[in-house]
Every structure is written in structure tokens, then in C-alpha cells.
Amino acid sequence: MFNVKKMFKLILVISIVTIVTPANSAGFDSLLKTTESLTGVSTKSTSSDLLGSLTTQLGVTESQAAGGTAALLSMASQNLSGTDSSLLKSIIPAELSTTLSSQMLNQVMDMAGVQSAFSALGLDASMVQQFAPILLQYLTANGGSDLLGSLTKLWL
């Protein structure tokens, strides 16, 4: 029988992997170069810092780090006020911002959706509590200290 929940998880995983994990490194480099040329800001180091922290500290793959981050940030952008949501989007690396525009990730509106996304990525739901402090630290260090209270309420 057709299981909508399983189908949603499968589509979510495919969407995350397709958007977050480029087919080859040249595609990823091209995305970064385009972003840098348009904005004049290098996103490679900020993205590498964030994803590197997650992979090193939590022992997850880069795809899991990016997908989990995107799920948490998507939920936050759905639940924050307009001003806070704009601030959040201005801080996150460009390739994760692109991921947030995915229609599937826009369905991640609450913690249950985040936990489903983590599960689809092969991560235990308890990993959300390990991702959140690292993301909060990253956001605070990059101009998002005003978001700390709101995001703590959402994520922890």
C-alpha cells in the first residue's frame, strides 16, 4: 500500500541530497564562484567553517551536516518574525540559503519536521540537540546574537 509518510521522507532525502550534494566538485565550485562574483563575498570559508565544525565535532558526513543545518534553518525561517528571518537569511552561507528555497525544505515547519528530515538523512532525532548549539555558536559569531533567544526557544 502507498505510504505517504515514507514517500515524503524519500522525496525529502532526494531533495536534500540533490541540492546540498553537488554531482561533482566542479559544480559546487561553480556555485561558489557565481555567488562570490555576485556578492563580492567569499562563501567557501563560512560554509566550510560551519559544516567543518559539524562534521568534526559530531562525526557526521558533510551531506548530513548540510541537510541537518538546512532543516533547522528552514524551520527557523518559517517561525521567526520577518526581521529575525531576514537577519538569519543574511548570515547563512549562500549554498545553504539556496537549499532553504527548496519546496521540500519549506515543509519543515516544526520540530517534528526537523526530526523527520534528520531521520531521512540517517541521523538520530537526538542529533538535533547536538546540531543546535553549534549552529547557535556559528550564528552568534557571525552577527546573529539578536537571534539567540528566539532560536534557542525553537531548537532546544
N, C-alpha and C. Protein backbone atom coordinates (compact mmCIF):
# COMPACT_ATOMS: atom_id res chain seq x y z
N MET A 1 0.84 -1.19 0.00
CA MET A 1 0.00 0.00 0.00
C MET A 1 0.88 1.25 0.00
N PHE A 2 0.44 2.29 -0.63
CA PHE A 2 1.16 3.55 -0.73
C PHE A 2 1.22 4.23 0.63
N ASN A 3 2.41 4.55 1.11
CA ASN A 3 2.60 5.19 2.40
C ASN A 3 3.09 6.62 2.17
N VAL A 4 2.23 7.58 2.45
CA VAL A 4 2.54 8.99 2.20
C VAL A 4 3.74 9.44 3.02
N LYS A 5 3.82 9.02 4.26
CA LYS A 5 4.91 9.44 5.13
C LYS A 5 6.26 8.95 4.60
N LYS A 6 6.31 7.69 4.16
CA LYS A 6 7.56 7.16 3.61
C LYS A 6 7.91 7.87 2.31
N MET A 7 6.91 8.15 1.49
CA MET A 7 7.15 8.85 0.24
C MET A 7 7.69 10.26 0.51
N PHE A 8 7.13 10.96 1.50
CA PHE A 8 7.60 12.29 1.87
C PHE A 8 9.06 12.23 2.29
N LYS A 9 9.40 11.23 3.12
CA LYS A 9 10.79 11.09 3.59
C LYS A 9 11.72 10.84 2.42
N LEU A 10 11.31 9.99 1.51
CA LEU A 10 12.14 9.69 0.35
C LEU A 10 12.35 10.94 -0.50
N ILE A 11 11.29 11.68 -0.75
CA ILE A 11 11.40 12.91 -1.54
C ILE A 11 12.27 13.92 -0.82
N LEU A 12 12.13 14.02 0.50
CA LEU A 12 12.93 14.95 1.28
C LEU A 12 14.41 14.60 1.18
N VAL A 13 14.74 13.32 1.32
CA VAL A 13 16.14 12.90 1.22
C VAL A 13 16.68 13.19 -0.17
N ILE A 14 15.93 12.85 -1.19
CA ILE A 14 16.38 13.10 -2.57
C ILE A 14 16.58 14.60 -2.78
N SER A 15 15.66 15.42 -2.29
CA SER A 15 15.78 16.87 -2.45
C SER A 15 17.01 17.40 -1.75
N ILE A 16 17.23 16.96 -0.52
CA ILE A 16 18.37 17.44 0.25
C ILE A 16 19.67 17.02 -0.43
N VAL A 17 19.76 15.75 -0.78
CA VAL A 17 20.98 15.25 -1.40
C VAL A 17 21.22 15.92 -2.74
N THR A 18 20.18 16.11 -3.53
CA THR A 18 20.32 16.73 -4.84
C THR A 18 20.78 18.18 -4.72
N ILE A 19 20.22 18.90 -3.78
CA ILE A 19 20.54 20.32 -3.64
C ILE A 19 21.84 20.53 -2.89
N VAL A 20 22.03 19.80 -1.81
CA VAL A 20 23.18 20.03 -0.93
C VAL A 20 24.44 19.38 -1.46
N THR A 21 24.33 18.21 -2.05
CA THR A 21 25.50 17.49 -2.52
C THR A 21 25.58 17.58 -4.03
N PRO A 22 26.45 18.42 -4.55
CA PRO A 22 26.56 18.55 -5.98
C PRO A 22 27.07 17.25 -6.62
N ALA A 23 26.77 17.10 -7.91
CA ALA A 23 27.17 15.89 -8.62
C ALA A 23 28.68 15.75 -8.66
N ASN A 24 29.38 16.86 -8.70
CA ASN A 24 30.84 16.81 -8.67
C ASN A 24 31.35 18.10 -8.05
N SER A 25 32.60 18.10 -7.68
CA SER A 25 33.14 19.28 -7.01
C SER A 25 33.17 20.49 -7.93
N ALA A 26 33.25 20.28 -9.24
CA ALA A 26 33.25 21.41 -10.16
C ALA A 26 31.93 22.17 -10.08
N GLY A 27 30.81 21.44 -9.92
CA GLY A 27 29.52 22.09 -9.78
C GLY A 27 29.44 22.93 -8.52
N PHE A 28 29.98 22.42 -7.44
CA PHE A 28 30.00 23.15 -6.18
C PHE A 28 30.88 24.38 -6.30
N ASP A 29 32.07 24.20 -6.89
CA ASP A 29 32.97 25.34 -7.07
C ASP A 29 32.33 26.40 -7.95
N SER A 30 31.61 25.97 -8.98
CA SER A 30 30.94 26.92 -9.87
C SER A 30 29.89 27.73 -9.11
N LEU A 31 29.11 27.03 -8.26
CA LEU A 31 28.11 27.71 -7.45
C LEU A 31 28.77 28.76 -6.56
N LEU A 32 29.87 28.38 -5.91
CA LEU A 32 30.56 29.32 -5.02
C LEU A 32 31.12 30.51 -5.79
N LYS A 33 31.72 30.25 -6.95
CA LYS A 33 32.29 31.34 -7.74
C LYS A 33 31.21 32.30 -8.21
N THR A 34 30.07 31.77 -8.63
CA THR A 34 28.97 32.63 -9.05
C THR A 34 28.49 33.49 -7.90
N THR A 35 28.32 32.87 -6.72
CA THR A 35 27.87 33.61 -5.54
C THR A 35 28.88 34.69 -5.18
N GLU A 36 30.16 34.33 -5.21
CA GLU A 36 31.21 35.29 -4.87
C GLU A 36 31.24 36.44 -5.86
N SER A 37 31.06 36.16 -7.16
CA SER A 37 31.11 37.22 -8.15
C SER A 37 29.92 38.17 -8.02
N LEU A 38 28.78 37.64 -7.63
CA LEU A 38 27.59 38.48 -7.48
C LEU A 38 27.62 39.31 -6.20
N THR A 39 28.15 38.73 -5.13
CA THR A 39 28.11 39.41 -3.84
C THR A 39 29.42 40.05 -3.45
N GLY A 40 30.52 39.58 -4.04
CA GLY A 40 31.83 40.07 -3.64
C GLY A 40 32.30 39.48 -2.33
N VAL A 41 31.58 38.50 -1.81
CA VAL A 41 31.91 37.88 -0.52
C VAL A 41 32.21 36.41 -0.75
N SER A 42 33.30 35.94 -0.17
CA SER A 42 33.63 34.53 -0.28
C SER A 42 32.78 33.73 0.69
N THR A 43 32.00 32.78 0.15
CA THR A 43 31.15 31.94 1.00
C THR A 43 31.83 30.62 1.33
N LYS A 44 32.91 30.30 0.63
CA LYS A 44 33.53 29.00 0.82
C LYS A 44 34.04 28.83 2.25
N SER A 45 34.68 29.86 2.79
CA SER A 45 35.23 29.71 4.14
C SER A 45 34.12 29.68 5.19
N THR A 46 33.05 30.48 5.02
CA THR A 46 31.99 30.44 6.02
C THR A 46 31.26 29.12 5.99
N SER A 47 30.99 28.61 4.81
CA SER A 47 30.33 27.32 4.70
C SER A 47 31.22 26.23 5.24
N SER A 48 32.50 26.27 4.87
CA SER A 48 33.44 25.27 5.34
C SER A 48 33.57 25.31 6.85
N ASP A 49 33.58 26.51 7.42
CA ASP A 49 33.66 26.65 8.88
C ASP A 49 32.48 25.97 9.56
N LEU A 50 31.29 26.28 9.10
CA LEU A 50 30.08 25.73 9.71
C LEU A 50 30.00 24.23 9.51
N LEU A 51 30.08 23.78 8.28
CA LEU A 51 29.97 22.35 8.01
C LEU A 51 31.15 21.59 8.59
N GLY A 52 32.33 22.20 8.56
CA GLY A 52 33.51 21.57 9.15
C GLY A 52 33.35 21.37 10.65
N SER A 53 32.78 22.36 11.32
CA SER A 53 32.54 22.24 12.76
C SER A 53 31.58 21.09 13.04
N LEU A 54 30.54 20.99 12.27
CA LEU A 54 29.55 19.92 12.48
C LEU A 54 30.15 18.55 12.19
N THR A 55 30.86 18.43 11.08
CA THR A 55 31.42 17.12 10.74
C THR A 55 32.49 16.70 11.74
N THR A 56 33.33 17.63 12.15
CA THR A 56 34.40 17.31 13.09
C THR A 56 33.86 17.00 14.48
N GLN A 57 33.01 17.87 14.98
CA GLN A 57 32.52 17.71 16.35
C GLN A 57 31.51 16.59 16.52
N LEU A 58 30.72 16.33 15.48
CA LEU A 58 29.64 15.35 15.62
C LEU A 58 29.89 14.05 14.86
N GLY A 59 30.91 14.02 14.02
CA GLY A 59 31.21 12.80 13.28
C GLY A 59 30.16 12.45 12.23
N VAL A 60 29.55 13.47 11.63
CA VAL A 60 28.56 13.26 10.58
C VAL A 60 29.22 13.56 9.24
N THR A 61 28.59 13.12 8.16
CA THR A 61 29.11 13.42 6.83
C THR A 61 28.78 14.88 6.48
N GLU A 62 29.44 15.39 5.45
CA GLU A 62 29.15 16.76 5.03
C GLU A 62 27.71 16.89 4.54
N SER A 63 27.21 15.87 3.85
CA SER A 63 25.81 15.90 3.39
C SER A 63 24.84 15.91 4.57
N GLN A 64 25.15 15.12 5.59
CA GLN A 64 24.29 15.11 6.79
C GLN A 64 24.37 16.46 7.50
N ALA A 65 25.58 17.02 7.58
CA ALA A 65 25.75 18.33 8.23
C ALA A 65 24.95 19.40 7.49
N ALA A 66 25.07 19.41 6.16
CA ALA A 66 24.36 20.41 5.36
C ALA A 66 22.85 20.20 5.41
N GLY A 67 22.41 18.95 5.30
CA GLY A 67 20.98 18.67 5.33
C GLY A 67 20.35 18.97 6.68
N GLY A 68 21.04 18.59 7.76
CA GLY A 68 20.53 18.87 9.10
C GLY A 68 20.48 20.37 9.37
N THR A 69 21.52 21.06 8.94
CA THR A 69 21.56 22.52 9.09
C THR A 69 20.42 23.16 8.31
N ALA A 70 20.24 22.72 7.08
CA ALA A 70 19.17 23.28 6.25
C ALA A 70 17.81 23.04 6.86
N ALA A 71 17.59 21.86 7.45
CA ALA A 71 16.30 21.57 8.08
C ALA A 71 16.05 22.49 9.27
N LEU A 72 17.07 22.66 10.12
CA LEU A 72 16.91 23.55 11.28
C LEU A 72 16.70 25.00 10.85
N LEU A 73 17.47 25.44 9.88
CA LEU A 73 17.34 26.83 9.42
C LEU A 73 16.01 27.05 8.70
N SER A 74 15.54 26.05 7.99
CA SER A 74 14.25 26.16 7.32
C SER A 74 13.13 26.32 8.35
N MET A 75 13.17 25.47 9.38
CA MET A 75 12.17 25.58 10.43
C MET A 75 12.23 26.96 11.08
N ALA A 76 13.45 27.42 11.35
CA ALA A 76 13.60 28.74 11.99
C ALA A 76 13.05 29.84 11.09
N SER A 77 13.37 29.79 9.81
CA SER A 77 12.91 30.86 8.92
C SER A 77 11.39 30.87 8.80
N GLN A 78 10.76 29.70 8.97
CA GLN A 78 9.30 29.61 8.94
C GLN A 78 8.65 30.19 10.20
N ASN A 79 9.40 30.18 11.31
CA ASN A 79 8.82 30.54 12.61
C ASN A 79 9.29 31.86 13.19
N LEU A 80 10.32 32.46 12.62
CA LEU A 80 10.81 33.73 13.14
C LEU A 80 10.02 34.89 12.56
N SER A 81 10.07 36.02 13.24
CA SER A 81 9.44 37.24 12.72
C SER A 81 10.14 37.64 11.43
N GLY A 82 9.53 38.53 10.68
CA GLY A 82 10.11 38.97 9.41
C GLY A 82 11.52 39.52 9.55
N THR A 83 11.74 40.36 10.55
CA THR A 83 13.05 40.96 10.76
C THR A 83 14.08 39.90 11.14
N ASP A 84 13.71 39.03 12.08
CA ASP A 84 14.63 37.98 12.51
C ASP A 84 14.90 37.00 11.38
N SER A 85 13.89 36.66 10.60
CA SER A 85 14.06 35.75 9.47
C SER A 85 15.01 36.35 8.44
N SER A 86 14.88 37.65 8.18
CA SER A 86 15.78 38.33 7.24
C SER A 86 17.21 38.33 7.75
N LEU A 87 17.38 38.57 9.05
CA LEU A 87 18.72 38.55 9.64
C LEU A 87 19.32 37.16 9.51
N LEU A 88 18.53 36.14 9.82
CA LEU A 88 19.01 34.76 9.71
C LEU A 88 19.47 34.46 8.28
N LYS A 89 18.66 34.82 7.31
CA LYS A 89 18.99 34.54 5.91
C LYS A 89 20.23 35.31 5.45
N SER A 90 20.49 36.47 6.06
CA SER A 90 21.68 37.24 5.68
C SER A 90 22.96 36.65 6.25
N ILE A 91 22.85 35.81 7.27
CA ILE A 91 24.03 35.24 7.93
C ILE A 91 24.43 33.91 7.34
N ILE A 92 23.47 33.12 6.91
CA ILE A 92 23.79 31.75 6.49
C ILE A 92 24.52 31.74 5.15
N PRO A 93 25.40 30.75 4.96
CA PRO A 93 26.14 30.65 3.70
C PRO A 93 25.20 30.52 2.50
N ALA A 94 25.63 31.04 1.38
CA ALA A 94 24.79 31.10 0.18
C ALA A 94 24.27 29.75 -0.27
N GLU A 95 25.12 28.71 -0.23
CA GLU A 95 24.65 27.42 -0.73
C GLU A 95 23.59 26.82 0.20
N LEU A 96 23.63 27.13 1.49
CA LEU A 96 22.57 26.68 2.39
C LEU A 96 21.32 27.52 2.18
N SER A 97 21.50 28.79 1.87
CA SER A 97 20.36 29.65 1.57
C SER A 97 19.63 29.12 0.35
N THR A 98 20.37 28.68 -0.66
CA THR A 98 19.78 28.09 -1.85
C THR A 98 18.99 26.84 -1.46
N THR A 99 19.55 26.05 -0.58
CA THR A 99 18.88 24.83 -0.11
C THR A 99 17.57 25.18 0.57
N LEU A 100 17.54 26.27 1.32
CA LEU A 100 16.32 26.66 2.03
C LEU A 100 15.18 26.98 1.09
N SER A 101 15.51 27.36 -0.14
CA SER A 101 14.44 27.70 -1.07
C SER A 101 13.77 26.46 -1.65
N SER A 102 14.33 25.30 -1.38
CA SER A 102 13.72 24.06 -1.86
C SER A 102 12.31 23.93 -1.30
N GLN A 103 11.37 23.57 -2.15
CA GLN A 103 9.99 23.44 -1.70
C GLN A 103 9.84 22.38 -0.63
N MET A 104 10.62 21.31 -0.72
CA MET A 104 10.52 20.25 0.29
C MET A 104 10.97 20.76 1.65
N LEU A 105 12.06 21.52 1.67
CA LEU A 105 12.52 22.02 2.96
C LEU A 105 11.59 23.08 3.53
N ASN A 106 10.85 23.77 2.67
CA ASN A 106 9.88 24.73 3.17
C ASN A 106 8.73 24.03 3.89
N GLN A 107 8.66 22.71 3.77
CA GLN A 107 7.66 21.94 4.51
C GLN A 107 8.12 21.65 5.93
N VAL A 108 9.38 21.92 6.24
CA VAL A 108 9.91 21.70 7.59
C VAL A 108 9.52 22.91 8.43
N MET A 109 8.37 22.78 9.10
CA MET A 109 7.81 23.93 9.81
C MET A 109 7.90 23.80 11.32
N ASP A 110 8.17 22.60 11.82
CA ASP A 110 8.21 22.40 13.26
C ASP A 110 9.26 21.35 13.59
N MET A 111 9.43 21.08 14.89
CA MET A 111 10.46 20.14 15.31
C MET A 111 10.19 18.73 14.79
N ALA A 112 8.94 18.35 14.64
CA ALA A 112 8.63 17.03 14.07
C ALA A 112 9.16 16.93 12.64
N GLY A 113 9.03 18.00 11.88
CA GLY A 113 9.56 18.03 10.52
C GLY A 113 11.08 17.95 10.50
N VAL A 114 11.71 18.65 11.44
CA VAL A 114 13.18 18.60 11.55
C VAL A 114 13.62 17.18 11.87
N GLN A 115 12.93 16.57 12.83
CA GLN A 115 13.30 15.21 13.22
C GLN A 115 13.09 14.23 12.07
N SER A 116 12.05 14.42 11.27
CA SER A 116 11.83 13.58 10.08
C SER A 116 12.97 13.77 9.08
N ALA A 117 13.38 15.02 8.89
CA ALA A 117 14.48 15.29 7.97
C ALA A 117 15.76 14.63 8.47
N PHE A 118 16.03 14.73 9.77
CA PHE A 118 17.22 14.10 10.33
C PHE A 118 17.16 12.60 10.13
N SER A 119 16.01 12.02 10.37
CA SER A 119 15.83 10.58 10.19
C SER A 119 16.08 10.18 8.74
N ALA A 120 15.55 10.99 7.82
CA ALA A 120 15.74 10.71 6.40
C ALA A 120 17.21 10.81 5.99
N LEU A 121 17.96 11.61 6.71
CA LEU A 121 19.40 11.76 6.44
C LEU A 121 20.23 10.67 7.13
N GLY A 122 19.56 9.78 7.86
CA GLY A 122 20.27 8.73 8.57
C GLY A 122 20.79 9.18 9.93
N LEU A 123 20.24 10.26 10.45
CA LEU A 123 20.64 10.79 11.74
C LEU A 123 19.56 10.52 12.78
N ASP A 124 19.96 10.19 13.97
CA ASP A 124 19.02 10.02 15.07
C ASP A 124 18.41 11.37 15.42
N ALA A 125 17.16 11.38 15.81
CA ALA A 125 16.48 12.63 16.17
C ALA A 125 17.19 13.36 17.31
N SER A 126 17.88 12.63 18.16
CA SER A 126 18.60 13.26 19.28
C SER A 126 19.76 14.14 18.78
N MET A 127 20.18 13.94 17.53
CA MET A 127 21.26 14.75 16.97
C MET A 127 20.86 16.22 16.83
N VAL A 128 19.56 16.50 16.79
CA VAL A 128 19.10 17.89 16.70
C VAL A 128 19.68 18.67 17.88
N GLN A 129 19.67 18.06 19.04
CA GLN A 129 20.17 18.73 20.25
C GLN A 129 21.69 18.93 20.21
N GLN A 130 22.37 18.20 19.35
CA GLN A 130 23.81 18.38 19.20
C GLN A 130 24.13 19.38 18.09
N PHE A 131 23.29 19.45 17.07
CA PHE A 131 23.47 20.42 15.99
C PHE A 131 23.20 21.84 16.50
N ALA A 132 22.13 22.00 17.26
CA ALA A 132 21.66 23.34 17.65
C ALA A 132 22.73 24.20 18.30
N PRO A 133 23.46 23.73 19.32
CA PRO A 133 24.46 24.60 19.94
C PRO A 133 25.56 25.04 18.97
N ILE A 134 25.94 24.17 18.05
CA ILE A 134 26.97 24.52 17.08
C ILE A 134 26.45 25.59 16.12
N LEU A 135 25.21 25.43 15.68
CA LEU A 135 24.60 26.44 14.81
C LEU A 135 24.43 27.77 15.55
N LEU A 136 24.00 27.71 16.80
CA LEU A 136 23.84 28.94 17.58
C LEU A 136 25.17 29.66 17.75
N GLN A 137 26.22 28.90 18.00
CA GLN A 137 27.56 29.48 18.14
C GLN A 137 27.99 30.14 16.83
N TYR A 138 27.77 29.45 15.72
CA TYR A 138 28.13 29.99 14.41
C TYR A 138 27.35 31.27 14.13
N LEU A 139 26.05 31.24 14.34
CA LEU A 139 25.22 32.41 14.06
C LEU A 139 25.60 33.59 14.94
N THR A 140 25.85 33.33 16.21
CA THR A 140 26.25 34.38 17.14
C THR A 140 27.56 35.02 16.71
N ALA A 141 28.51 34.18 16.30
CA ALA A 141 29.82 34.68 15.88
C ALA A 141 29.76 35.47 14.57
N ASN A 142 28.67 35.31 13.82
CA ASN A 142 28.54 35.97 12.52
C ASN A 142 27.45 37.04 12.49
N GLY A 143 27.19 37.64 13.63
CA GLY A 143 26.27 38.77 13.68
C GLY A 143 24.84 38.43 14.05
N GLY A 144 24.60 37.24 14.52
CA GLY A 144 23.23 36.83 14.84
C GLY A 144 22.93 36.74 16.32
N SER A 145 23.65 37.49 17.14
CA SER A 145 23.41 37.40 18.59
C SER A 145 21.98 37.81 18.95
N ASP A 146 21.36 38.67 18.15
CA ASP A 146 19.98 39.06 18.41
C ASP A 146 19.00 37.91 18.22
N LEU A 147 19.43 36.88 17.52
CA LEU A 147 18.58 35.72 17.24
C LEU A 147 18.68 34.63 18.31
N LEU A 148 19.65 34.75 19.18
CA LEU A 148 19.96 33.68 20.13
C LEU A 148 18.76 33.25 20.96
N GLY A 149 18.03 34.18 21.52
CA GLY A 149 16.86 33.83 22.34
C GLY A 149 15.77 33.13 21.56
N SER A 150 15.43 33.67 20.41
CA SER A 150 14.37 33.07 19.58
C SER A 150 14.74 31.69 19.09
N LEU A 151 15.99 31.54 18.63
CA LEU A 151 16.41 30.24 18.11
C LEU A 151 16.55 29.20 19.22
N THR A 152 17.00 29.63 20.37
CA THR A 152 17.09 28.70 21.50
C THR A 152 15.73 28.15 21.85
N LYS A 153 14.72 29.00 21.85
CA LYS A 153 13.35 28.55 22.13
C LYS A 153 12.86 27.56 21.08
N LEU A 154 13.22 27.80 19.83
CA LEU A 154 12.77 26.93 18.74
C LEU A 154 13.49 25.58 18.74
N TRP A 155 14.79 25.61 18.95
CA TRP A 155 15.61 24.42 18.74
C TRP A 155 15.89 23.60 20.00
N LEU A 156 15.92 24.22 21.15
CA LEU A 156 16.32 23.47 22.36
C LEU A 156 15.18 23.29 23.33
